Amino acid sequence: MTLPSMDRLALSRRRLLISGAAGAALMVVGLPARPARAGAKETQELIDKLTHGKAKPGRVTLRMPEIAENGNTVPLTVEVDSPMSATDRVKSISLLAEGNPSPLVATLHFGPLAAKAEVQLRIRLAQTQNVIAVAEMADGSFWTASHETKVTIGGCGG
């Protein structure tokens, strides 16, 4: 058995790289354009999908700064008024940001042993926008709250 010469291997590698680059270029050209930011309409559609159109304002408190100097790290606290009993407890809290590339920022789940439905975290905001918290209760009801935060320097490439 004879081994192929090094010239033939180099030529094969070169052809492979060129073919791969051409294929990647065709894939990029063929991709549909996607909006850079979500929006109020897309966010509301997602909320309606998550809650089956049953979201009501109330029971949720969302605390955030009025102005965020840097959108890379915006602190927030979300709390749901619930005794966290077997029949009246929070199952999950979803956080959505209207102006981010993807509106769903996080979904936090609470087990049956959770004593309090309160979370403190930091999120990224691309621009001045509304942040919405949606709480799903064990009885199937959904409660919401929203807060507008003005962002001076965007955190998602803005």
N, C-alpha and C. Protein backbone atom coordinates (compact mmCIF):
# COMPACT_ATOMS: atom_id res chain seq x y z
N MET A 1 0.84 -1.17 0.00
CA MET A 1 0.00 0.00 0.00
C MET A 1 0.88 1.23 0.00
N THR A 2 0.60 2.14 -0.90
CA THR A 2 1.39 3.37 -0.95
C THR A 2 0.58 4.51 -0.35
N LEU A 3 1.27 5.35 0.33
CA LEU A 3 0.64 6.52 0.95
C LEU A 3 0.54 7.64 -0.07
N PRO A 4 -0.51 8.49 0.01
CA PRO A 4 -0.62 9.61 -0.92
C PRO A 4 0.49 10.61 -0.66
N SER A 5 0.86 11.30 -1.69
CA SER A 5 1.94 12.29 -1.54
C SER A 5 1.42 13.48 -0.74
N MET A 6 2.34 14.25 -0.17
CA MET A 6 2.00 15.41 0.64
C MET A 6 1.31 16.48 -0.20
N ASP A 7 1.64 16.59 -1.50
CA ASP A 7 1.00 17.58 -2.37
C ASP A 7 -0.50 17.29 -2.49
N ARG A 8 -0.85 16.03 -2.62
CA ARG A 8 -2.26 15.67 -2.76
C ARG A 8 -3.01 15.92 -1.46
N LEU A 9 -2.37 15.69 -0.30
CA LEU A 9 -3.00 15.97 0.99
C LEU A 9 -3.23 17.46 1.16
N ALA A 10 -2.24 18.28 0.81
CA ALA A 10 -2.37 19.72 0.94
C ALA A 10 -3.48 20.23 0.05
N LEU A 11 -3.55 19.72 -1.16
CA LEU A 11 -4.59 20.13 -2.08
C LEU A 11 -5.96 19.73 -1.53
N SER A 12 -6.08 18.57 -0.94
CA SER A 12 -7.34 18.12 -0.38
C SER A 12 -7.75 19.02 0.80
N ARG A 13 -6.82 19.33 1.66
CA ARG A 13 -7.09 20.21 2.79
C ARG A 13 -7.53 21.59 2.30
N ARG A 14 -6.86 22.11 1.31
CA ARG A 14 -7.17 23.42 0.76
C ARG A 14 -8.58 23.41 0.18
N ARG A 15 -8.90 22.37 -0.58
CA ARG A 15 -10.25 22.27 -1.16
C ARG A 15 -11.31 22.17 -0.06
N LEU A 16 -11.00 21.43 0.98
CA LEU A 16 -11.93 21.29 2.09
C LEU A 16 -12.18 22.64 2.75
N LEU A 17 -11.14 23.41 3.00
CA LEU A 17 -11.30 24.72 3.63
C LEU A 17 -12.10 25.66 2.74
N ILE A 18 -11.81 25.68 1.46
CA ILE A 18 -12.53 26.54 0.53
C ILE A 18 -14.00 26.13 0.47
N SER A 19 -14.26 24.84 0.39
CA SER A 19 -15.64 24.36 0.34
C SER A 19 -16.39 24.73 1.61
N GLY A 20 -15.72 24.57 2.75
CA GLY A 20 -16.35 24.91 4.03
C GLY A 20 -16.66 26.39 4.12
N ALA A 21 -15.73 27.24 3.69
CA ALA A 21 -15.95 28.68 3.72
C ALA A 21 -17.10 29.07 2.79
N ALA A 22 -17.15 28.48 1.63
CA ALA A 22 -18.23 28.79 0.68
C ALA A 22 -19.57 28.34 1.25
N GLY A 23 -19.61 27.19 1.87
CA GLY A 23 -20.85 26.70 2.48
C GLY A 23 -21.31 27.60 3.62
N ALA A 24 -20.37 28.05 4.44
CA ALA A 24 -20.71 28.95 5.55
C ALA A 24 -21.24 30.27 5.01
N ALA A 25 -20.64 30.78 3.95
CA ALA A 25 -21.10 32.04 3.36
C ALA A 25 -22.52 31.89 2.83
N LEU A 26 -22.83 30.77 2.21
CA LEU A 26 -24.19 30.55 1.71
C LEU A 26 -25.19 30.45 2.85
N MET A 27 -24.79 29.84 3.95
CA MET A 27 -25.69 29.74 5.10
C MET A 27 -25.98 31.12 5.67
N VAL A 28 -24.97 31.97 5.80
CA VAL A 28 -25.17 33.31 6.35
C VAL A 28 -26.06 34.13 5.45
N VAL A 29 -25.84 34.05 4.15
CA VAL A 29 -26.65 34.81 3.20
C VAL A 29 -28.10 34.33 3.26
N GLY A 30 -28.32 33.05 3.48
CA GLY A 30 -29.66 32.50 3.47
C GLY A 30 -30.43 32.68 4.77
N LEU A 31 -29.80 33.18 5.84
CA LEU A 31 -30.49 33.34 7.11
C LEU A 31 -31.50 34.48 7.04
N PRO A 32 -32.68 34.29 7.59
CA PRO A 32 -33.65 35.39 7.61
C PRO A 32 -33.21 36.47 8.59
N ALA A 33 -33.55 37.73 8.29
CA ALA A 33 -33.21 38.83 9.18
C ALA A 33 -34.04 38.73 10.44
N ARG A 34 -33.42 38.99 11.59
CA ARG A 34 -34.09 38.93 12.87
C ARG A 34 -34.01 40.31 13.52
N PRO A 35 -35.08 40.80 14.13
CA PRO A 35 -34.99 42.10 14.76
C PRO A 35 -33.94 42.10 15.87
N ALA A 36 -33.22 43.20 16.00
CA ALA A 36 -32.17 43.30 16.99
C ALA A 36 -32.74 43.39 18.40
N ARG A 37 -33.93 43.89 18.54
CA ARG A 37 -34.57 44.03 19.84
C ARG A 37 -35.96 43.41 19.76
N ALA A 38 -36.43 42.90 20.89
CA ALA A 38 -37.80 42.40 20.94
C ALA A 38 -38.69 43.64 20.84
N GLY A 39 -39.67 43.78 21.55
CA GLY A 39 -40.54 44.95 21.53
C GLY A 39 -41.74 44.66 22.40
N ALA A 40 -42.55 45.68 22.61
CA ALA A 40 -43.71 45.52 23.47
C ALA A 40 -44.67 44.46 22.92
N LYS A 41 -44.85 44.45 21.59
CA LYS A 41 -45.78 43.49 20.98
C LYS A 41 -45.29 42.06 21.15
N GLU A 42 -44.00 41.81 20.85
CA GLU A 42 -43.45 40.47 20.98
C GLU A 42 -43.46 40.01 22.44
N THR A 43 -43.16 40.94 23.34
CA THR A 43 -43.15 40.60 24.77
C THR A 43 -44.55 40.25 25.24
N GLN A 44 -45.55 41.03 24.83
CA GLN A 44 -46.93 40.75 25.22
C GLN A 44 -47.39 39.41 24.66
N GLU A 45 -46.99 39.10 23.44
CA GLU A 45 -47.35 37.81 22.85
C GLU A 45 -46.74 36.67 23.66
N LEU A 46 -45.51 36.84 24.13
CA LEU A 46 -44.87 35.82 24.95
C LEU A 46 -45.58 35.68 26.30
N ILE A 47 -45.95 36.81 26.90
CA ILE A 47 -46.70 36.76 28.17
C ILE A 47 -48.02 36.03 27.98
N ASP A 48 -48.73 36.35 26.89
CA ASP A 48 -50.00 35.68 26.62
C ASP A 48 -49.81 34.18 26.42
N LYS A 49 -48.69 33.82 25.78
CA LYS A 49 -48.40 32.39 25.57
C LYS A 49 -48.09 31.70 26.90
N LEU A 50 -47.31 32.36 27.75
CA LEU A 50 -46.93 31.78 29.04
C LEU A 50 -48.13 31.65 29.98
N THR A 51 -49.03 32.64 29.93
CA THR A 51 -50.13 32.70 30.90
C THR A 51 -51.48 32.28 30.32
N HIS A 52 -51.50 31.89 29.05
CA HIS A 52 -52.74 31.51 28.38
C HIS A 52 -53.73 32.69 28.40
N GLY A 53 -53.19 33.91 28.39
CA GLY A 53 -54.01 35.12 28.38
C GLY A 53 -54.68 35.44 29.70
N LYS A 54 -54.23 34.82 30.81
CA LYS A 54 -54.90 34.98 32.10
C LYS A 54 -54.13 35.88 33.07
N ALA A 55 -53.14 36.64 32.62
CA ALA A 55 -52.34 37.46 33.54
C ALA A 55 -53.13 38.67 34.03
N LYS A 56 -53.02 38.94 35.34
CA LYS A 56 -53.68 40.10 35.96
C LYS A 56 -52.64 40.87 36.77
N PRO A 57 -52.76 42.18 36.83
CA PRO A 57 -51.85 42.94 37.68
C PRO A 57 -52.18 42.71 39.16
N GLY A 58 -51.14 42.69 39.98
CA GLY A 58 -51.33 42.53 41.42
C GLY A 58 -50.46 41.43 42.00
N ARG A 59 -50.38 41.40 43.31
CA ARG A 59 -49.66 40.41 44.11
C ARG A 59 -48.15 40.38 43.88
N VAL A 60 -47.65 40.98 42.83
CA VAL A 60 -46.21 40.96 42.52
C VAL A 60 -45.64 42.36 42.75
N THR A 61 -44.52 42.42 43.45
CA THR A 61 -43.80 43.67 43.66
C THR A 61 -42.46 43.55 42.97
N LEU A 62 -42.16 44.52 42.10
CA LEU A 62 -40.90 44.53 41.35
C LEU A 62 -40.18 45.81 41.71
N ARG A 63 -39.01 45.68 42.35
CA ARG A 63 -38.22 46.84 42.75
C ARG A 63 -36.93 46.89 41.94
N MET A 64 -36.75 48.04 41.24
CA MET A 64 -35.57 48.27 40.41
C MET A 64 -35.24 49.75 40.49
N PRO A 65 -34.00 50.13 40.13
CA PRO A 65 -33.69 51.56 40.11
C PRO A 65 -34.44 52.27 38.98
N GLU A 66 -34.74 53.54 39.19
CA GLU A 66 -35.36 54.34 38.13
C GLU A 66 -34.38 54.55 36.98
N ILE A 67 -33.09 54.78 37.33
CA ILE A 67 -32.05 54.99 36.34
C ILE A 67 -30.92 54.02 36.61
N ALA A 68 -30.50 53.28 35.58
CA ALA A 68 -29.36 52.37 35.68
C ALA A 68 -28.21 53.01 34.90
N GLU A 69 -27.13 53.30 35.58
CA GLU A 69 -25.96 53.90 34.92
C GLU A 69 -25.36 52.96 33.89
N ASN A 70 -25.44 51.66 34.18
CA ASN A 70 -24.84 50.67 33.29
C ASN A 70 -25.82 49.50 33.14
N GLY A 71 -26.23 49.23 31.92
CA GLY A 71 -27.19 48.15 31.67
C GLY A 71 -26.62 46.76 31.84
N ASN A 72 -25.29 46.64 32.02
CA ASN A 72 -24.69 45.31 32.18
C ASN A 72 -25.09 44.64 33.48
N THR A 73 -25.42 45.41 34.49
CA THR A 73 -25.73 44.82 35.78
C THR A 73 -26.75 45.69 36.51
N VAL A 74 -28.02 45.41 36.28
CA VAL A 74 -29.11 46.17 36.88
C VAL A 74 -29.73 45.32 37.99
N PRO A 75 -29.67 45.81 39.24
CA PRO A 75 -30.23 45.02 40.35
C PRO A 75 -31.76 45.07 40.35
N LEU A 76 -32.36 43.96 40.73
CA LEU A 76 -33.81 43.94 40.89
C LEU A 76 -34.19 42.98 41.99
N THR A 77 -35.32 43.27 42.60
CA THR A 77 -35.92 42.39 43.60
C THR A 77 -37.36 42.16 43.17
N VAL A 78 -37.77 40.93 43.15
CA VAL A 78 -39.16 40.60 42.85
C VAL A 78 -39.69 39.76 44.00
N GLU A 79 -40.89 40.15 44.45
CA GLU A 79 -41.52 39.47 45.58
C GLU A 79 -43.00 39.26 45.26
N VAL A 80 -43.51 38.10 45.64
CA VAL A 80 -44.92 37.79 45.40
C VAL A 80 -45.60 37.62 46.76
N ASP A 81 -46.73 38.29 46.93
CA ASP A 81 -47.52 38.21 48.15
C ASP A 81 -48.22 36.85 48.18
N SER A 82 -47.67 35.93 48.96
CA SER A 82 -48.22 34.58 49.04
C SER A 82 -47.80 33.95 50.37
N PRO A 83 -48.71 33.23 51.03
CA PRO A 83 -48.33 32.55 52.27
C PRO A 83 -47.44 31.33 52.03
N MET A 84 -47.30 30.93 50.78
CA MET A 84 -46.50 29.76 50.39
C MET A 84 -46.98 28.50 51.12
N SER A 85 -48.29 28.36 51.21
CA SER A 85 -48.89 27.15 51.80
C SER A 85 -49.08 26.11 50.70
N ALA A 86 -49.59 24.97 51.06
CA ALA A 86 -49.78 23.90 50.08
C ALA A 86 -50.77 24.30 48.99
N THR A 87 -51.77 25.10 49.32
CA THR A 87 -52.79 25.48 48.35
C THR A 87 -52.56 26.85 47.72
N ASP A 88 -51.82 27.72 48.39
CA ASP A 88 -51.59 29.08 47.89
C ASP A 88 -50.10 29.37 47.90
N ARG A 89 -49.45 28.99 46.81
CA ARG A 89 -48.01 29.21 46.72
C ARG A 89 -47.62 29.58 45.29
N VAL A 90 -46.42 30.14 45.18
CA VAL A 90 -45.88 30.52 43.89
C VAL A 90 -45.14 29.33 43.29
N LYS A 91 -45.46 28.99 42.05
CA LYS A 91 -44.74 27.92 41.35
C LYS A 91 -43.52 28.46 40.63
N SER A 92 -43.68 29.63 39.95
CA SER A 92 -42.56 30.19 39.21
C SER A 92 -42.75 31.69 39.00
N ILE A 93 -41.63 32.36 38.73
CA ILE A 93 -41.63 33.77 38.37
C ILE A 93 -40.81 33.88 37.08
N SER A 94 -41.41 34.49 36.06
CA SER A 94 -40.69 34.75 34.81
C SER A 94 -40.43 36.24 34.71
N LEU A 95 -39.21 36.59 34.29
CA LEU A 95 -38.82 37.99 34.10
C LEU A 95 -38.64 38.24 32.61
N LEU A 96 -39.25 39.31 32.12
CA LEU A 96 -39.17 39.67 30.71
C LEU A 96 -38.73 41.12 30.57
N ALA A 97 -37.93 41.40 29.55
CA ALA A 97 -37.47 42.76 29.26
C ALA A 97 -37.83 43.08 27.82
N GLU A 98 -38.65 44.13 27.63
CA GLU A 98 -39.19 44.45 26.31
C GLU A 98 -38.14 44.79 25.26
N GLY A 99 -37.04 45.42 25.65
CA GLY A 99 -36.09 45.90 24.66
C GLY A 99 -34.86 45.05 24.48
N ASN A 100 -34.78 43.91 25.12
CA ASN A 100 -33.62 43.04 24.95
C ASN A 100 -33.79 42.21 23.67
N PRO A 101 -32.70 41.69 23.13
CA PRO A 101 -32.80 40.85 21.93
C PRO A 101 -33.74 39.65 22.13
N SER A 102 -33.73 39.07 23.30
CA SER A 102 -34.66 37.99 23.65
C SER A 102 -35.41 38.45 24.90
N PRO A 103 -36.73 38.60 24.84
CA PRO A 103 -37.45 39.20 25.97
C PRO A 103 -37.42 38.37 27.26
N LEU A 104 -37.38 37.04 27.18
CA LEU A 104 -37.39 36.23 28.39
C LEU A 104 -36.00 36.24 29.01
N VAL A 105 -35.88 36.90 30.16
CA VAL A 105 -34.58 37.02 30.84
C VAL A 105 -34.32 35.82 31.72
N ALA A 106 -35.32 35.40 32.50
CA ALA A 106 -35.14 34.28 33.43
C ALA A 106 -36.49 33.73 33.85
N THR A 107 -36.50 32.45 34.21
CA THR A 107 -37.65 31.84 34.86
C THR A 107 -37.13 31.15 36.11
N LEU A 108 -37.70 31.52 37.25
CA LEU A 108 -37.27 31.01 38.55
C LEU A 108 -38.38 30.12 39.10
N HIS A 109 -38.03 28.93 39.51
CA HIS A 109 -39.02 27.95 39.99
C HIS A 109 -38.91 27.82 41.50
N PHE A 110 -40.07 27.68 42.17
CA PHE A 110 -40.13 27.53 43.62
C PHE A 110 -40.75 26.18 43.94
N GLY A 111 -40.06 25.41 44.76
CA GLY A 111 -40.57 24.10 45.16
C GLY A 111 -41.55 24.24 46.31
N PRO A 112 -42.19 23.13 46.70
CA PRO A 112 -43.19 23.17 47.76
C PRO A 112 -42.60 23.52 49.14
N LEU A 113 -41.30 23.42 49.30
CA LEU A 113 -40.69 23.74 50.59
C LEU A 113 -40.18 25.18 50.67
N ALA A 114 -40.35 25.96 49.61
CA ALA A 114 -39.90 27.36 49.64
C ALA A 114 -40.74 28.13 50.66
N ALA A 115 -40.06 28.87 51.53
CA ALA A 115 -40.74 29.60 52.60
C ALA A 115 -41.22 30.97 52.16
N LYS A 116 -40.55 31.56 51.17
CA LYS A 116 -40.89 32.91 50.73
C LYS A 116 -40.64 33.04 49.24
N ALA A 117 -41.52 33.74 48.55
CA ALA A 117 -41.35 33.95 47.11
C ALA A 117 -40.72 35.31 46.88
N GLU A 118 -39.43 35.39 47.11
CA GLU A 118 -38.67 36.63 46.90
C GLU A 118 -37.30 36.28 46.33
N VAL A 119 -36.90 37.05 45.32
CA VAL A 119 -35.62 36.80 44.67
C VAL A 119 -34.94 38.14 44.41
N GLN A 120 -33.63 38.18 44.64
CA GLN A 120 -32.82 39.35 44.29
C GLN A 120 -31.77 38.88 43.30
N LEU A 121 -31.65 39.61 42.20
CA LEU A 121 -30.66 39.26 41.19
C LEU A 121 -30.30 40.49 40.38
N ARG A 122 -29.39 40.32 39.46
CA ARG A 122 -29.00 41.39 38.55
C ARG A 122 -29.23 40.88 37.13
N ILE A 123 -29.76 41.78 36.29
CA ILE A 123 -30.03 41.41 34.91
C ILE A 123 -29.35 42.40 33.98
N ARG A 124 -29.33 42.06 32.72
CA ARG A 124 -28.75 42.90 31.68
C ARG A 124 -29.87 43.55 30.88
N LEU A 125 -29.76 44.86 30.68
CA LEU A 125 -30.75 45.57 29.88
C LEU A 125 -30.05 46.30 28.75
N ALA A 126 -30.57 46.16 27.55
CA ALA A 126 -29.95 46.75 26.37
C ALA A 126 -30.21 48.25 26.27
N GLN A 127 -31.35 48.70 26.79
CA GLN A 127 -31.74 50.10 26.63
C GLN A 127 -32.81 50.42 27.66
N THR A 128 -33.28 51.66 27.70
CA THR A 128 -34.40 52.03 28.56
C THR A 128 -35.61 51.19 28.14
N GLN A 129 -36.24 50.55 29.12
CA GLN A 129 -37.33 49.63 28.79
C GLN A 129 -38.11 49.21 30.01
N ASN A 130 -39.23 48.56 29.75
CA ASN A 130 -40.04 47.97 30.81
C ASN A 130 -39.54 46.57 31.11
N VAL A 131 -39.48 46.26 32.39
CA VAL A 131 -39.20 44.89 32.84
C VAL A 131 -40.49 44.39 33.47
N ILE A 132 -40.87 43.18 33.14
CA ILE A 132 -42.14 42.63 33.59
C ILE A 132 -41.87 41.34 34.34
N ALA A 133 -42.50 41.19 35.51
CA ALA A 133 -42.43 39.96 36.28
C ALA A 133 -43.80 39.29 36.21
N VAL A 134 -43.81 38.00 35.92
CA VAL A 134 -45.04 37.22 35.84
C VAL A 134 -44.92 36.06 36.82
N ALA A 135 -45.83 36.01 37.78
CA ALA A 135 -45.82 34.93 38.77
C ALA A 135 -46.92 33.93 38.45
N GLU A 136 -46.56 32.66 38.43
CA GLU A 136 -47.54 31.58 38.25
C GLU A 136 -47.81 30.96 39.60
N MET A 137 -49.08 30.92 39.98
CA MET A 137 -49.47 30.37 41.27
C MET A 137 -49.88 28.90 41.13
N ALA A 138 -49.90 28.19 42.24
CA ALA A 138 -50.26 26.77 42.23
C ALA A 138 -51.71 26.56 41.78
N ASP A 139 -52.57 27.55 41.98
CA ASP A 139 -53.98 27.40 41.57
C ASP A 139 -54.20 27.70 40.09
N GLY A 140 -53.12 28.01 39.35
CA GLY A 140 -53.22 28.27 37.92
C GLY A 140 -53.41 29.73 37.56
N SER A 141 -53.47 30.61 38.56
CA SER A 141 -53.60 32.04 38.26
C SER A 141 -52.22 32.65 37.97
N PHE A 142 -52.22 33.78 37.28
CA PHE A 142 -50.99 34.48 36.92
C PHE A 142 -51.12 35.94 37.33
N TRP A 143 -50.06 36.47 37.96
CA TRP A 143 -50.05 37.84 38.43
C TRP A 143 -48.81 38.55 37.88
N THR A 144 -48.95 39.85 37.59
CA THR A 144 -47.84 40.58 36.96
C THR A 144 -47.59 41.92 37.63
N ALA A 145 -46.40 42.43 37.37
CA ALA A 145 -46.01 43.79 37.72
C ALA A 145 -44.96 44.21 36.72
N SER A 146 -44.86 45.51 36.47
CA SER A 146 -43.83 45.99 35.54
C SER A 146 -43.19 47.25 36.10
N HIS A 147 -42.00 47.54 35.60
CA HIS A 147 -41.24 48.71 36.03
C HIS A 147 -40.38 49.18 34.87
N GLU A 148 -40.41 50.50 34.61
CA GLU A 148 -39.54 51.05 33.57
C GLU A 148 -38.25 51.53 34.21
N THR A 149 -37.14 51.12 33.62
CA THR A 149 -35.82 51.57 34.07
C THR A 149 -35.13 52.25 32.90
N LYS A 150 -34.62 53.44 33.17
CA LYS A 150 -33.87 54.19 32.15
C LYS A 150 -32.42 53.74 32.21
N VAL A 151 -31.88 53.32 31.06
CA VAL A 151 -30.52 52.81 30.98
C VAL A 151 -29.66 53.84 30.23
N THR A 152 -28.55 54.27 30.85
CA THR A 152 -27.71 55.26 30.18
C THR A 152 -26.67 54.59 29.26
N ILE A 153 -26.15 53.44 29.65
CA ILE A 153 -25.22 52.67 28.82
C ILE A 153 -25.78 51.27 28.71
N GLY A 154 -26.16 50.84 27.50
CA GLY A 154 -26.78 49.53 27.30
C GLY A 154 -25.85 48.38 27.62
N GLY A 155 -26.44 47.27 28.08
CA GLY A 155 -25.67 46.11 28.46
C GLY A 155 -25.66 44.99 27.44
N CYS A 156 -26.48 45.06 26.41
CA CYS A 156 -26.53 44.00 25.40
C CYS A 156 -25.99 44.51 24.07
N GLY A 157 -24.85 45.15 24.14
CA GLY A 157 -24.25 45.66 22.92
C GLY A 157 -24.80 47.01 22.49
N GLY A 158 -25.60 47.64 23.35
CA GLY A 158 -26.22 48.92 23.00
C GLY A 158 -25.44 50.11 23.47
